[in-house]
PDB file of N, CA and C in Angstrom:
ATOM      1  N   MET A   1     145.688  38.934 121.442  1.00  0.00           N
ATOM      2  CA  MET A   1     144.588  40.440 121.216  1.00  0.00           C
ATOM      3  C   MET A   1     144.868  41.357 121.944  1.00  0.00           C
ATOM      4  N   ALA A   2     145.324  42.446 121.655  1.00  0.00           N
ATOM      5  CA  ALA A   2     144.552  43.927 123.072  1.00  0.00           C
ATOM      6  C   ALA A   2     143.275  43.766 122.825  1.00  0.00           C
ATOM      7  N   THR A   3     142.960  44.356 124.197  1.00  0.00           N
ATOM      8  CA  THR A   3     141.533  44.723 124.643  1.00  0.00           C
ATOM      9  C   THR A   3     141.546  46.480 124.100  1.00  0.00           C
ATOM     10  N   LYS A   4     140.122  46.756 123.925  1.00  0.00           N
ATOM     11  CA  LYS A   4     140.087  47.698 123.661  1.00  0.00           C
ATOM     12  C   LYS A   4     139.633  48.630 124.822  1.00  0.00           C
ATOM     13  N   ALA A   5     139.543  49.738 124.617  1.00  0.00           N
ATOM     14  CA  ALA A   5     139.741  51.183 125.622  1.00  0.00           C
ATOM     15  C   ALA A   5     138.191  51.188 125.735  1.00  0.00           C
ATOM     16  N   PRO A   6     137.858  51.596 127.018  1.00  0.00           N
ATOM     17  CA  PRO A   6     136.305  51.927 126.284  1.00  0.00           C
ATOM     18  C   PRO A   6     135.522  53.351 125.718  1.00  0.00           C
ATOM     19  N   ALA A   7     134.560  53.062 125.571  1.00  0.00           N
ATOM     20  CA  ALA A   7     134.148  54.653 124.052  1.00  0.00           C
ATOM     21  C   ALA A   7     133.735  55.528 125.084  1.00  0.00           C
ATOM     22  N   LYS A   8     133.828  56.502 125.400  1.00  0.00           N
ATOM     23  CA  LYS A   8     133.600  57.819 125.947  1.00  0.00           C
ATOM     24  C   LYS A   8     132.239  58.177 125.639  1.00  0.00           C
ATOM     25  N   THR A   9     131.517  58.692 126.537  1.00  0.00           N
ATOM     26  CA  THR A   9     129.985  58.844 126.339  1.00  0.00           C
ATOM     27  C   THR A   9     129.713  60.016 125.569  1.00  0.00           C
ATOM     28  N   ALA A  10     128.676  60.271 124.738  1.00  0.00           N
ATOM     29  CA  ALA A  10     129.064  61.611 123.744  1.00  0.00           C
ATOM     30  C   ALA A  10     128.423  62.746 124.549  1.00  0.00           C
ATOM     31  N   ALA A  11     127.459  62.367 125.577  1.00  0.00           N
ATOM     32  CA  ALA A  11     126.484  63.402 126.243  1.00  0.00           C
ATOM     33  C   ALA A  11     127.060  63.661 127.725  1.00  0.00           C
ATOM     34  N   LYS A  12     127.456  64.861 128.188  1.00  0.00           N
ATOM     35  CA  LYS A  12     128.189  65.432 129.498  1.00  0.00           C
ATOM     36  C   LYS A  12     127.224  65.274 130.382  1.00  0.00           C
ATOM     37  N   GLY A  13     127.487  65.068 131.609  1.00  0.00           N
ATOM     38  CA  GLY A  13     126.432  65.057 132.269  1.00  0.00           C
ATOM     39  C   GLY A  13     127.226  66.588 132.833  1.00  0.00           C
ATOM     40  N   GLY A  14     125.835  67.633 133.149  1.00  0.00           N
ATOM     41  CA  GLY A  14     126.353  69.003 133.678  1.00  0.00           C
ATOM     42  C   GLY A  14     124.763  69.899 133.130  1.00  0.00           C
ATOM     43  N   LYS A  15     125.829  71.046 133.646  1.00  0.00           N
ATOM     44  CA  LYS A  15     125.025  72.235 132.887  1.00  0.00           C
ATOM     45  C   LYS A  15     125.951  73.165 131.991  1.00  0.00           C
ATOM     46  N   LYS A  16     124.980  73.740 131.537  1.00  0.00           N
ATOM     47  CA  LYS A  16     125.503  74.399 129.644  1.00  0.00           C
ATOM     48  C   LYS A  16     125.994  75.598 129.936  1.00  0.00           C
ATOM     49  N   LYS A  17     127.018  76.370 129.743  1.00  0.00           N
ATOM     50  CA  LYS A  17     127.609  77.211 130.313  1.00  0.00           C
ATOM     51  C   LYS A  17     126.799  78.341 129.252  1.00  0.00           C
ATOM     52  N   THR A  18     126.428  79.610 130.499  1.00  0.00           N
ATOM     53  CA  THR A  18     126.162  80.630 129.821  1.00  0.00           C
ATOM     54  C   THR A  18     127.630  82.151 129.468  1.00  0.00           C
ATOM     55  N   PHE A  19     126.991  82.397 129.164  1.00  0.00           N
ATOM     56  CA  PHE A  19     128.144  83.519 128.510  1.00  0.00           C
ATOM     57  C   PHE A  19     127.336  84.800 128.681  1.00  0.00           C
ATOM     58  N   LYS A  20     127.660  86.119 128.951  1.00  0.00           N
ATOM     59  CA  LYS A  20     127.358  87.588 128.650  1.00  0.00           C
ATOM     60  C   LYS A  20     127.575  88.008 127.496  1.00  0.00           C
ATOM     61  N   LYS A  21     127.030  89.061 126.385  1.00  0.00           N
ATOM     62  CA  LYS A  21     127.637  89.248 125.513  1.00  0.00           C
ATOM     63  C   LYS A  21     128.285  90.899 126.107  1.00  0.00           C
ATOM     64  N   LYS A  22     129.703  90.598 125.341  1.00  0.00           N
ATOM     65  CA  LYS A  22     130.097  91.855 125.227  1.00  0.00           C
ATOM     66  C   LYS A  22     128.970  93.470 124.947  1.00  0.00           C
ATOM     67  N   GLU A  23     128.806  94.153 126.199  1.00  0.00           N
ATOM     68  CA  GLU A  23     127.948  95.271 126.020  1.00  0.00           C
ATOM     69  C   GLU A  23     128.874  96.274 125.349  1.00  0.00           C
ATOM     70  N   LYS A  24     127.902  96.925 123.697  1.00  0.00           N
ATOM     71  CA  LYS A  24     128.745  97.550 123.062  1.00  0.00           C
ATOM     72  C   LYS A  24     128.989  99.890 123.944  1.00  0.00           C
ATOM     73  N   LYS A  25     129.914 100.443 123.762  1.00  0.00           N
ATOM     74  CA  LYS A  25     129.253 101.500 124.368  1.00  0.00           C
ATOM     75  C   LYS A  25     128.215 102.080 122.929  1.00  0.00           C
ATOM     76  N   MET A  26     127.908 102.822 123.511  1.00  0.00           N
ATOM     77  CA  MET A  26     126.989 104.089 122.798  1.00  0.00           C
ATOM     78  C   MET A  26     127.532 105.532 121.812  1.00  0.00           C
ATOM     79  N   VAL A  27     128.217 105.982 121.919  1.00  0.00           N
ATOM     80  CA  VAL A  27     129.266 107.270 121.735  1.00  0.00           C
ATOM     81  C   VAL A  27     128.671 107.597 120.695  1.00  0.00           C
ATOM     82  N   PRO A  28     127.976 108.724 120.683  1.00  0.00           N
ATOM     83  CA  PRO A  28     127.632 109.754 119.547  1.00  0.00           C
ATOM     84  C   PRO A  28     128.499 110.766 118.705  1.00  0.00           C
ATOM     85  N   VAL A  29     129.534 111.200 119.832  1.00  0.00           N
ATOM     86  CA  VAL A  29     130.876 112.091 119.239  1.00  0.00           C
ATOM     87  C   VAL A  29     132.081 111.652 119.665  1.00  0.00           C
ATOM     88  N   GLY A  30     132.880 111.970 118.656  1.00  0.00           N
ATOM     89  CA  GLY A  30     133.958 111.249 119.223  1.00  0.00           C
ATOM     90  C   GLY A  30     135.196 112.410 118.317  1.00  0.00           C
ATOM     91  N   VAL A  31     136.377 111.672 118.533  1.00  0.00           N
ATOM     92  CA  VAL A  31     137.305 111.529 117.621  1.00  0.00           C
ATOM     93  C   VAL A  31     138.382 111.552 116.780  1.00  0.00           C
ATOM     94  N   VAL A  32     138.363 111.773 115.584  1.00  0.00           N
ATOM     95  CA  VAL A  32     139.199 111.024 114.436  1.00  0.00           C
ATOM     96  C   VAL A  32     140.324 111.143 114.125  1.00  0.00           C
ATOM     97  N   HIS A  33     141.721 110.636 114.321  1.00  0.00           N
ATOM     98  CA  HIS A  33     142.674 110.972 114.485  1.00  0.00           C
ATOM     99  C   HIS A  33     143.282 110.115 113.371  1.00  0.00           C
ATOM    100  N   VAL A  34     144.192 111.059 111.987  1.00  0.00           N
ATOM    101  CA  VAL A  34     144.690 111.112 111.283  1.00  0.00           C
ATOM    102  C   VAL A  34     146.340 111.453 110.900  1.00  0.00           C
ATOM    103  N   GLN A  35     146.573 110.125 111.183  1.00  0.00           N
ATOM    104  CA  GLN A  35     148.251 110.486 111.225  1.00  0.00           C
ATOM    105  C   GLN A  35     148.832 109.706 109.742  1.00  0.00           C
ATOM    106  N   ALA A  36     148.980 110.563 108.749  1.00  0.00           N
ATOM    107  CA  ALA A  36     149.378 110.157 107.182  1.00  0.00           C
ATOM    108  C   ALA A  36     150.901 110.609 107.129  1.00  0.00           C
ATOM    109  N   SER A  37     151.939 109.647 106.973  1.00  0.00           N
ATOM    110  CA  SER A  37     152.951 109.533 106.562  1.00  0.00           C
ATOM    111  C   SER A  37     152.722 109.725 105.083  1.00  0.00           C
ATOM    112  N   PHE A  38     154.757 109.666 104.436  1.00  0.00           N
ATOM    113  CA  PHE A  38     154.900 109.429 103.419  1.00  0.00           C
ATOM    114  C   PHE A  38     154.605 107.888 103.169  1.00  0.00           C
ATOM    115  N   ASN A  39     154.298 106.804 104.000  1.00  0.00           N
ATOM    116  CA  ASN A  39     154.184 105.380 103.530  1.00  0.00           C
ATOM    117  C   ASN A  39     153.735 104.724 104.179  1.00  0.00           C
ATOM    118  N   ASN A  40     152.235 105.386 104.923  1.00  0.00           N
ATOM    119  CA  ASN A  40     151.169 104.652 105.373  1.00  0.00           C
ATOM    120  C   ASN A  40     150.365 105.810 105.444  1.00  0.00           C
ATOM    121  N   THR A  41     148.912 105.303 106.011  1.00  0.00           N
ATOM    122  CA  THR A  41     148.299 106.431 106.688  1.00  0.00           C
ATOM    123  C   THR A  41     147.493 105.125 108.178  1.00  0.00           C
ATOM    124  N   ILE A  42     147.103 105.802 108.965  1.00  0.00           N
ATOM    125  CA  ILE A  42     146.437 105.324 109.925  1.00  0.00           C
ATOM    126  C   ILE A  42     145.388 106.628 110.740  1.00  0.00           C
ATOM    127  N   ILE A  43     144.316 105.378 110.488  1.00  0.00           N
ATOM    128  CA  ILE A  43     143.065 105.963 110.990  1.00  0.00           C
ATOM    129  C   ILE A  43     142.578 105.830 112.634  1.00  0.00           C
ATOM    130  N   THR A  44     142.372 106.268 113.580  1.00  0.00           N
ATOM    131  CA  THR A  44     142.232 106.077 114.843  1.00  0.00           C
ATOM    132  C   THR A  44     140.678 106.855 115.311  1.00  0.00           C
ATOM    133  N   ILE A  45     140.187 106.470 115.455  1.00  0.00           N
ATOM    134  CA  ILE A  45     138.743 106.380 116.381  1.00  0.00           C
ATOM    135  C   ILE A  45     138.277 106.558 117.581  1.00  0.00           C
ATOM    136  N   THR A  46     138.314 107.440 118.555  1.00  0.00           N
ATOM    137  CA  THR A  46     138.332 107.567 119.740  1.00  0.00           C
ATOM    138  C   THR A  46     136.808 108.363 120.267  1.00  0.00           C
ATOM    139  N   ASP A  47     136.933 108.105 121.535  1.00  0.00           N
ATOM    140  CA  ASP A  47     135.631 108.723 122.244  1.00  0.00           C
ATOM    141  C   ASP A  47     136.474 110.057 122.912  1.00  0.00           C
ATOM    142  N   PRO A  48     135.906 111.123 123.303  1.00  0.00           N
ATOM    143  CA  PRO A  48     136.132 111.853 123.802  1.00  0.00           C
ATOM    144  C   PRO A  48     137.666 112.153 124.565  1.00  0.00           C
ATOM    145  N   MET A  49     137.240 111.216 125.523  1.00  0.00           N
ATOM    146  CA  MET A  49     137.452 111.053 126.837  1.00  0.00           C
ATOM    147  C   MET A  49     139.125 110.008 126.011  1.00  0.00           C
ATOM    148  N   GLY A  50     139.479 109.421 125.076  1.00  0.00           N
ATOM    149  CA  GLY A  50     140.620 109.321 124.268  1.00  0.00           C
ATOM    150  C   GLY A  50     140.538 107.497 124.100  1.00  0.00           C
ATOM    151  N   ASN A  51     139.197 106.585 124.364  1.00  0.00           N
ATOM    152  CA  ASN A  51     139.512 105.557 124.380  1.00  0.00           C
ATOM    153  C   ASN A  51     139.349 105.056 123.100  1.00  0.00           C
ATOM    154  N   VAL A  52     140.052 103.752 122.949  1.00  0.00           N
ATOM    155  CA  VAL A  52     139.731 104.184 120.771  1.00  0.00           C
ATOM    156  C   VAL A  52     138.425 103.019 120.940  1.00  0.00           C
ATOM    157  N   LEU A  53     138.055 103.592 120.109  1.00  0.00           N
ATOM    158  CA  LEU A  53     136.608 102.723 119.482  1.00  0.00           C
ATOM    159  C   LEU A  53     136.684 102.251 118.092  1.00  0.00           C
ATOM    160  N   SER A  54     138.007 102.489 117.243  1.00  0.00           N
ATOM    161  CA  SER A  54     137.743 101.609 115.841  1.00  0.00           C
ATOM    162  C   SER A  54     139.237 101.892 115.793  1.00  0.00           C
ATOM    163  N   TRP A  55     139.392 101.625 114.802  1.00  0.00           N
ATOM    164  CA  TRP A  55     140.750 102.253 114.199  1.00  0.00           C
ATOM    165  C   TRP A  55     141.669 101.134 112.517  1.00  0.00           C
ATOM    166  N   SER A  56     142.105 101.776 112.185  1.00  0.00           N
ATOM    167  CA  SER A  56     142.424 100.633 110.905  1.00  0.00           C
ATOM    168  C   SER A  56     143.807 101.982 109.763  1.00  0.00           C
ATOM    169  N   SER A  57     144.365 100.949 108.762  1.00  0.00           N
ATOM    170  CA  SER A  57     145.439 101.256 108.573  1.00  0.00           C
ATOM    171  C   SER A  57     145.432 100.630 106.955  1.00  0.00           C
ATOM    172  N   SER A  58     146.445 101.463 106.178  1.00  0.00           N
ATOM    173  CA  SER A  58     146.516 101.435 104.726  1.00  0.00           C
ATOM    174  C   SER A  58     147.135  99.535 104.469  1.00  0.00           C
ATOM    175  N   GLY A  59     148.027  99.220 105.340  1.00  0.00           N
ATOM    176  CA  GLY A  59     148.749  98.504 105.882  1.00  0.00           C
ATOM    177  C   GLY A  59     148.038  97.067 105.940  1.00  0.00           C
ATOM    178  N   SER A  60     146.722  97.924 107.222  1.00  0.00           N
ATOM    179  CA  SER A  60     146.238  96.493 107.823  1.00  0.00           C
ATOM    180  C   SER A  60     145.404  96.053 106.563  1.00  0.00           C
ATOM    181  N   LEU A  61     144.982  96.913 105.653  1.00  0.00           N
ATOM    182  CA  LEU A  61     144.186  96.512 104.573  1.00  0.00           C
ATOM    183  C   LEU A  61     145.012  95.660 103.454  1.00  0.00           C
ATOM    184  N   GLY A  62     145.628  95.029 103.019  1.00  0.00           N
ATOM    185  CA  GLY A  62     146.267  94.732 102.317  1.00  0.00           C
ATOM    186  C   GLY A  62     147.361  95.707 101.228  1.00  0.00           C
ATOM    187  N   PHE A  63     147.114  96.727 101.454  1.00  0.00           N
ATOM    188  CA  PHE A  63     148.480  97.904 100.329  1.00  0.00           C
ATOM    189  C   PHE A  63     149.547  97.709 101.122  1.00  0.00           C
ATOM    190  N   ARG A  64     150.903  96.709  99.907  1.00  0.00           N
ATOM    191  CA  ARG A  64     152.135  97.009 100.454  1.00  0.00           C
ATOM    192  C   ARG A  64     152.515  97.510  99.471  1.00  0.00           C
ATOM    193  N   GLY A  65     153.819  98.185  99.325  1.00  0.00           N
ATOM    194  CA  GLY A  65     154.705  99.111  99.440  1.00  0.00           C
ATOM    195  C   GLY A  65     154.524 100.442  99.039  1.00  0.00           C
ATOM    196  N   SER A  66     154.369 101.130  97.974  1.00  0.00           N
ATOM    197  CA  SER A  66     154.382 102.719  97.863  1.00  0.00           C
ATOM    198  C   SER A  66     152.940 102.450  97.892  1.00  0.00           C
ATOM    199  N   ARG A  67     152.513 101.779  97.618  1.00  0.00           N
ATOM    200  CA  ARG A  67     150.846 102.254  97.526  1.00  0.00           C
ATOM    201  C   ARG A  67     149.966 101.939  98.726  1.00  0.00           C
ATOM    202  N   LYS A  68     150.847 102.167 100.359  1.00  0.00           N
ATOM    203  CA  LYS A  68     150.071 102.470 100.952  1.00  0.00           C
ATOM    204  C   LYS A  68     150.323 103.695 101.365  1.00  0.00           C
ATOM    205  N   GLY A  69     151.050 104.732 100.775  1.00  0.00           N
ATOM    206  CA  GLY A  69     151.108 105.809 101.321  1.00  0.00           C
ATOM    207  C   GLY A  69     150.020 106.748 100.234  1.00  0.00           C
ATOM    208  N   THR A  70     149.228 105.851  99.561  1.00  0.00           N
ATOM    209  CA  THR A  70     148.593 106.678  98.069  1.00  0.00           C
ATOM    210  C   THR A  70     147.137 107.078  98.470  1.00  0.00           C
ATOM    211  N   PRO A  71     146.471 108.028  98.082  1.00  0.00           N
ATOM    212  CA  PRO A  71     145.162 109.014  99.141  1.00  0.00           C
ATOM    213  C   PRO A  71     143.534 107.751  98.525  1.00  0.00           C
ATOM    214  N   PHE A  72     144.686 106.818  97.550  1.00  0.00           N
ATOM    215  CA  PHE A  72     142.993 105.967  98.006  1.00  0.00           C
ATOM    216  C   PHE A  72     143.364 104.660  99.236  1.00  0.00           C
ATOM    217  N   ALA A  73     144.725 104.231  99.663  1.00  0.00           N
ATOM    218  CA  ALA A  73     144.142 103.706 100.728  1.00  0.00           C
ATOM    219  C   ALA A  73     144.045 104.316 101.450  1.00  0.00           C
ATOM    220  N   ALA A  74     144.466 105.795 101.747  1.00  0.00           N
ATOM    221  CA  ALA A  74     143.540 106.345 102.646  1.00  0.00           C
ATOM    222  C   ALA A  74     142.428 106.878 102.834  1.00  0.00           C
ATOM    223  N   GLN A  75     141.715 106.351 101.640  1.00  0.00           N
ATOM    224  CA  GLN A  75     140.304 106.447 101.299  1.00  0.00           C
ATOM    225  C   GLN A  75     139.789 105.127 102.195  1.00  0.00           C
ATOM    226  N   GLN A  76     140.488 103.742 101.549  1.00  0.00           N
ATOM    227  CA  GLN A  76     139.597 102.730 102.095  1.00  0.00           C
ATOM    228  C   GLN A  76     139.831 103.015 103.967  1.00  0.00           C
ATOM    229  N   ALA A  77     140.851 103.273 104.032  1.00  0.00           N
ATOM    230  CA  ALA A  77     141.548 102.781 105.695  1.00  0.00           C
ATOM    231  C   ALA A  77     140.042 103.933 106.428  1.00  0.00           C
ATOM    232  N   SER A  78     139.987 104.696 106.141  1.00  0.00           N
ATOM    233  CA  SER A  78     139.275 106.013 106.595  1.00  0.00           C
ATOM    234  C   SER A  78     137.487 105.326 106.694  1.00  0.00           C
ATOM    235  N   LEU A  79     137.162 104.867 105.655  1.00  0.00           N
ATOM    236  CA  LEU A  79     135.981 103.957 105.000  1.00  0.00           C
ATOM    237  C   LEU A  79     135.624 102.850 106.547  1.00  0.00           C
ATOM    238  N   THR A  80     136.721 102.151 106.657  1.00  0.00           N
ATOM    239  CA  THR A  80     136.464 100.878 107.255  1.00  0.00           C
ATOM    240  C   THR A  80     136.950 101.073 108.637  1.00  0.00           C
ATOM    241  N   ALA A  81     137.551 102.551 109.121  1.00  0.00           N
ATOM    242  CA  ALA A  81     137.355 102.409 110.822  1.00  0.00           C
ATOM    243  C   ALA A  81     135.514 103.399 111.026  1.00  0.00           C
ATOM    244  N   ALA A  82     135.950 104.261 109.988  1.00  0.00           N
ATOM    245  CA  ALA A  82     134.456 104.781 109.916  1.00  0.00           C
ATOM    246  C   ALA A  82     133.220 104.079 110.354  1.00  0.00           C
ATOM    247  N   ASN A  83     132.863 102.638 109.752  1.00  0.00           N
ATOM    248  CA  ASN A  83     132.410 101.754 109.155  1.00  0.00           C
ATOM    249  C   ASN A  83     132.018 101.610 111.140  1.00  0.00           C
ATOM    250  N   LYS A  84     133.157 100.764 111.596  1.00  0.00           N
ATOM    251  CA  LYS A  84     133.312  99.699 112.780  1.00  0.00           C
ATOM    252  C   LYS A  84     132.582 100.956 113.502  1.00  0.00           C
ATOM    253  N   ALA A  85     132.930 102.498 113.585  1.00  0.00           N
ATOM    254  CA  ALA A  85     133.099 103.099 114.681  1.00  0.00           C
ATOM    255  C   ALA A  85     131.538 103.274 114.710  1.00  0.00           C
ATOM    256  N   LYS A  86     130.617 103.205 113.431  1.00  0.00           N
ATOM    257  CA  LYS A  86     129.283 103.648 114.029  1.00  0.00           C
ATOM    258  C   LYS A  86     128.436 102.561 113.788  1.00  0.00           C
ATOM    259  N   GLU A  87     128.908 101.510 114.229  1.00  0.00           N
ATOM    260  CA  GLU A  87     128.191 100.713 115.351  1.00  0.00           C
ATOM    261  C   GLU A  87     128.338 100.592 116.512  1.00  0.00           C
ATOM    262  N   SER A  88     129.512 101.393 116.912  1.00  0.00           N
ATOM    263  CA  SER A  88     128.965 101.566 118.625  1.00  0.00           C
ATOM    264  C   SER A  88     128.591 103.346 119.076  1.00  0.00           C
ATOM    265  N   GLY A  89     127.501 103.630 117.251  1.00  0.00           N
ATOM    266  CA  GLY A  89     126.462 104.727 117.523  1.00  0.00           C
ATOM    267  C   GLY A  89     127.004 106.298 117.248  1.00  0.00           C
ATOM    268  N   LEU A  90     128.296 106.204 116.837  1.00  0.00           N
ATOM    269  CA  LEU A  90     128.919 107.367 116.369  1.00  0.00           C
ATOM    270  C   LEU A  90     128.872 107.790 115.477  1.00  0.00           C
ATOM    271  N   ARG A  91     128.442 108.956 115.410  1.00  0.00           N
ATOM    272  CA  ARG A  91     127.465 110.662 114.420  1.00  0.00           C
ATOM    273  C   ARG A  91     128.205 111.442 114.532  1.00  0.00           C
ATOM    274  N   THR A  92     128.609 112.412 114.995  1.00  0.00           N
ATOM    275  CA  THR A  92     129.810 113.391 114.863  1.00  0.00           C
ATOM    276  C   THR A  92     130.773 113.276 114.681  1.00  0.00           C
ATOM    277  N   VAL A  93     131.574 113.619 115.134  1.00  0.00           N
ATOM    278  CA  VAL A  93     133.427 113.364 114.905  1.00  0.00           C
ATOM    279  C   VAL A  93     134.048 114.608 115.492  1.00  0.00           C
ATOM    280  N   ASN A  94     135.148 114.692 115.681  1.00  0.00           N
ATOM    281  CA  ASN A  94     136.222 116.279 115.490  1.00  0.00           C
ATOM    282  C   ASN A  94     137.268 115.733 115.094  1.00  0.00           C
ATOM    283  N   VAL A  95     137.843 116.178 113.651  1.00  0.00           N
ATOM    284  CA  VAL A  95     138.548 115.500 112.596  1.00  0.00           C
ATOM    285  C   VAL A  95     140.188 115.987 113.611  1.00  0.00           C
ATOM    286  N   GLU A  96     141.245 115.207 113.756  1.00  0.00           N
ATOM    287  CA  GLU A  96     142.740 115.966 114.066  1.00  0.00           C
ATOM    288  C   GLU A  96     143.762 115.537 112.941  1.00  0.00           C
ATOM    289  N   VAL A  97     143.981 116.214 112.299  1.00  0.00           N
ATOM    290  CA  VAL A  97     145.032 115.573 111.128  1.00  0.00           C
ATOM    291  C   VAL A  97     146.318 114.948 111.361  1.00  0.00           C
ATOM    292  N   SER A  98     147.247 114.928 111.291  1.00  0.00           N
ATOM    293  CA  SER A  98     148.838 114.951 111.376  1.00  0.00           C
ATOM    294  C   SER A  98     149.392 114.415 110.162  1.00  0.00           C
ATOM    295  N   GLY A  99     150.753 114.855 109.657  1.00  0.00           N
ATOM    296  CA  GLY A  99     151.875 114.431 109.276  1.00  0.00           C
ATOM    297  C   GLY A  99     151.572 114.856 107.863  1.00  0.00           C
ATOM    298  N   PRO A 100     152.673 114.983 106.718  1.00  0.00           N
ATOM    299  CA  PRO A 100     152.877 115.413 105.630  1.00  0.00           C
ATOM    300  C   PRO A 100     152.101 114.533 104.886  1.00  0.00           C
ATOM    301  N   GLY A 101     151.245 113.482 104.634  1.00  0.00           N
ATOM    302  CA  GLY A 101     150.992 112.694 103.536  1.00  0.00           C
ATOM    303  C   GLY A 101     150.191 112.938 103.203  1.00  0.00           C
ATOM    304  N   ALA A 102     149.948 112.080 101.642  1.00  0.00           N
ATOM    305  CA  ALA A 102     149.250 112.230 100.534  1.00  0.00           C
ATOM    306  C   ALA A 102     147.912 112.007 100.977  1.00  0.00           C
ATOM    307  N   GLY A 103     147.988 111.092 101.480  1.00  0.00           N
ATOM    308  CA  GLY A 103     146.233 111.244 101.889  1.00  0.00           C
ATOM    309  C   GLY A 103     145.356 111.260 103.158  1.00  0.00           C
ATOM    310  N   ARG A 104     146.381 112.846 103.895  1.00  0.00           N
ATOM    311  CA  ARG A 104     145.332 113.504 104.928  1.00  0.00           C
ATOM    312  C   ARG A 104     144.098 114.117 104.082  1.00  0.00           C
ATOM    313  N   GLU A 105     143.660 114.751 102.785  1.00  0.00           N
ATOM    314  CA  GLU A 105     142.685 115.360 102.479  1.00  0.00           C
ATOM    315  C   GLU A 105     141.531 114.177 102.215  1.00  0.00           C
ATOM    316  N   SER A 106     141.775 112.828 101.835  1.00  0.00           N
ATOM    317  CA  SER A 106     141.227 111.818 101.032  1.00  0.00           C
ATOM    318  C   SER A 106     140.563 111.304 102.152  1.00  0.00           C
ATOM    319  N   ALA A 107     141.217 111.221 103.168  1.00  0.00           N
ATOM    320  CA  ALA A 107     140.919 110.359 104.629  1.00  0.00           C
ATOM    321  C   ALA A 107     140.140 110.805 105.164  1.00  0.00           C
ATOM    322  N   VAL A 108     139.516 112.476 105.021  1.00  0.00           N
ATOM    323  CA  VAL A 108     138.665 113.285 105.888  1.00  0.00           C
ATOM    324  C   VAL A 108     137.451 113.537 104.627  1.00  0.00           C
ATOM    325  N   ARG A 109     138.035 113.192 103.424  1.00  0.00           N
ATOM    326  CA  ARG A 109     136.940 113.239 102.638  1.00  0.00           C
ATOM    327  C   ARG A 109     135.925 112.064 102.941  1.00  0.00           C
ATOM    328  N   ALA A 110     136.678 110.885 102.995  1.00  0.00           N
ATOM    329  CA  ALA A 110     136.243 109.216 103.069  1.00  0.00           C
ATOM    330  C   ALA A 110     135.148 109.517 104.484  1.00  0.00           C
ATOM    331  N   LEU A 111     135.276 109.634 105.446  1.00  0.00           N
ATOM    332  CA  LEU A 111     134.500 109.877 106.503  1.00  0.00           C
ATOM    333  C   LEU A 111     133.641 110.755 106.141  1.00  0.00           C
ATOM    334  N   SER A 112     133.084 111.451 105.758  1.00  0.00           N
ATOM    335  CA  SER A 112     132.153 112.634 105.585  1.00  0.00           C
ATOM    336  C   SER A 112     130.853 111.421 104.392  1.00  0.00           C
ATOM    337  N   THR A 113     131.729 110.686 103.701  1.00  0.00           N
ATOM    338  CA  THR A 113     131.332 109.676 102.777  1.00  0.00           C
ATOM    339  C   THR A 113     130.498 108.624 103.194  1.00  0.00           C
ATOM    340  N   ALA A 114     130.999 107.845 104.253  1.00  0.00           N
ATOM    341  CA  ALA A 114     130.857 107.054 105.869  1.00  0.00           C
ATOM    342  C   ALA A 114     129.355 107.502 106.481  1.00  0.00           C
ATOM    343  N   GLY A 115     129.295 108.786 106.240  1.00  0.00           N
ATOM    344  CA  GLY A 115     128.131 109.729 107.213  1.00  0.00           C
ATOM    345  C   GLY A 115     128.081 109.727 108.532  1.00  0.00           C
ATOM    346  N   LEU A 116     129.491 110.017 108.578  1.00  0.00           N
ATOM    347  CA  LEU A 116     130.122 110.884 109.996  1.00  0.00           C
ATOM    348  C   LEU A 116     129.951 112.391 109.431  1.00  0.00           C
ATOM    349  N   GLU A 117     128.992 113.206 110.472  1.00  0.00           N
ATOM    350  CA  GLU A 117     129.395 114.692 110.090  1.00  0.00           C
ATOM    351  C   GLU A 117     130.740 114.864 111.014  1.00  0.00           C
ATOM    352  N   ASN A 118     131.212 116.464 110.525  1.00  0.00           N
ATOM    353  CA  ASN A 118     132.508 116.755 111.261  1.00  0.00           C
ATOM    354  C   ASN A 118     131.581 118.030 112.443  1.00  0.00           C
ATOM    355  N   TYR A 119     132.045 117.873 113.519  1.00  0.00           N
ATOM    356  CA  TYR A 119     131.486 118.533 114.091  1.00  0.00           C
ATOM    357  C   TYR A 119     132.531 120.093 114.492  1.00  0.00           C
ATOM    358  N   GLN A 120     132.442 121.217 114.413  1.00  0.00           N
ATOM    359  CA  GLN A 120     132.790 122.013 115.162  1.00  0.00           C
ATOM    360  C   GLN A 120     132.470 122.015 116.307  1.00  0.00           C
ATOM    361  N   GLY A 121     133.164 122.411 117.329  1.00  0.00           N
ATOM    362  CA  GLY A 121     133.065 123.161 118.704  1.00  0.00           C
ATOM    363  C   GLY A 121     133.688 122.357 119.891  1.00  0.00           C
ATOM    364  N   SER A 122     133.465 122.622 120.960  1.00  0.00           N
ATOM    365  CA  SER A 122     134.140 121.383 122.414  1.00  0.00           C
ATOM    366  C   SER A 122     132.897 120.667 122.744  1.00  0.00           C
ATOM    367  N   TYR A 123     133.914 119.934 123.047  1.00  0.00           N
ATOM    368  CA  TYR A 123     132.837 118.673 123.873  1.00  0.00           C
ATOM    369  C   TYR A 123     132.079 119.035 124.942  1.00  0.00           C
ATOM    370  N   ALA A 124     132.151 120.447 125.650  1.00  0.00           N
ATOM    371  CA  ALA A 124     131.296 120.498 126.755  1.00  0.00           C
ATOM    372  C   ALA A 124     129.822 121.048 126.145  1.00  0.00           C
ATOM    373  N   ASP A 125     129.461 121.520 124.766  1.00  0.00           N
ATOM    374  CA  ASP A 125     128.177 121.651 124.498  1.00  0.00           C
ATOM    375  C   ASP A 125     127.506 119.851 124.181  1.00  0.00           C
ATOM    376  N   SER A 126     128.247 119.136 123.628  1.00  0.00           N
ATOM    377  CA  SER A 126     127.577 117.392 123.635  1.00  0.00           C
ATOM    378  C   SER A 126     127.057 117.128 124.817  1.00  0.00           C
ATOM    379  N   ALA A 127     128.656 117.428 125.949  1.00  0.00           N
ATOM    380  CA  ALA A 127     127.844 116.701 127.616  1.00  0.00           C
ATOM    381  C   ALA A 127     126.364 117.207 128.457  1.00  0.00           C
TER     382      ALA A 127
END
C-alpha cells in the first residue's frame, strides 16, 4: 500500500502583505480628443499635458461592422469616457475634433450630457 504524503498546513506563518492604494490624480481641466472616422469613433480624454485619463471607442463597447460608425455609437463611447474621467475630478474640458465621421457632433453633445462643461480659453487661466 502506498504511503500518504503529509497534509499541508492551512495557516501559513508570517506577516500579511499590505499594499498601497493607487492614488488617483485630481485633474479639474482636461482635453477631449474626438477622432471620428467613417468606420469608428475614438474618444480620448487627457490632462493639459497630454497624459491620458480615460478613453473609449465604439468598437470597444461591442458595436461591430457598420454600426461602429453611427452617431449613437459615438455618443455611447463619449459618455463612457466622460464618466471614467469624472472619477478623476474632471469638470471642464476643451474639445478637439478631427476626422470626417458621422459621430463628430453627437460625441460633443454627449460630453455636456455627462456633465462636462466645454471650456473656451487658454490653459494658463486655469493654472
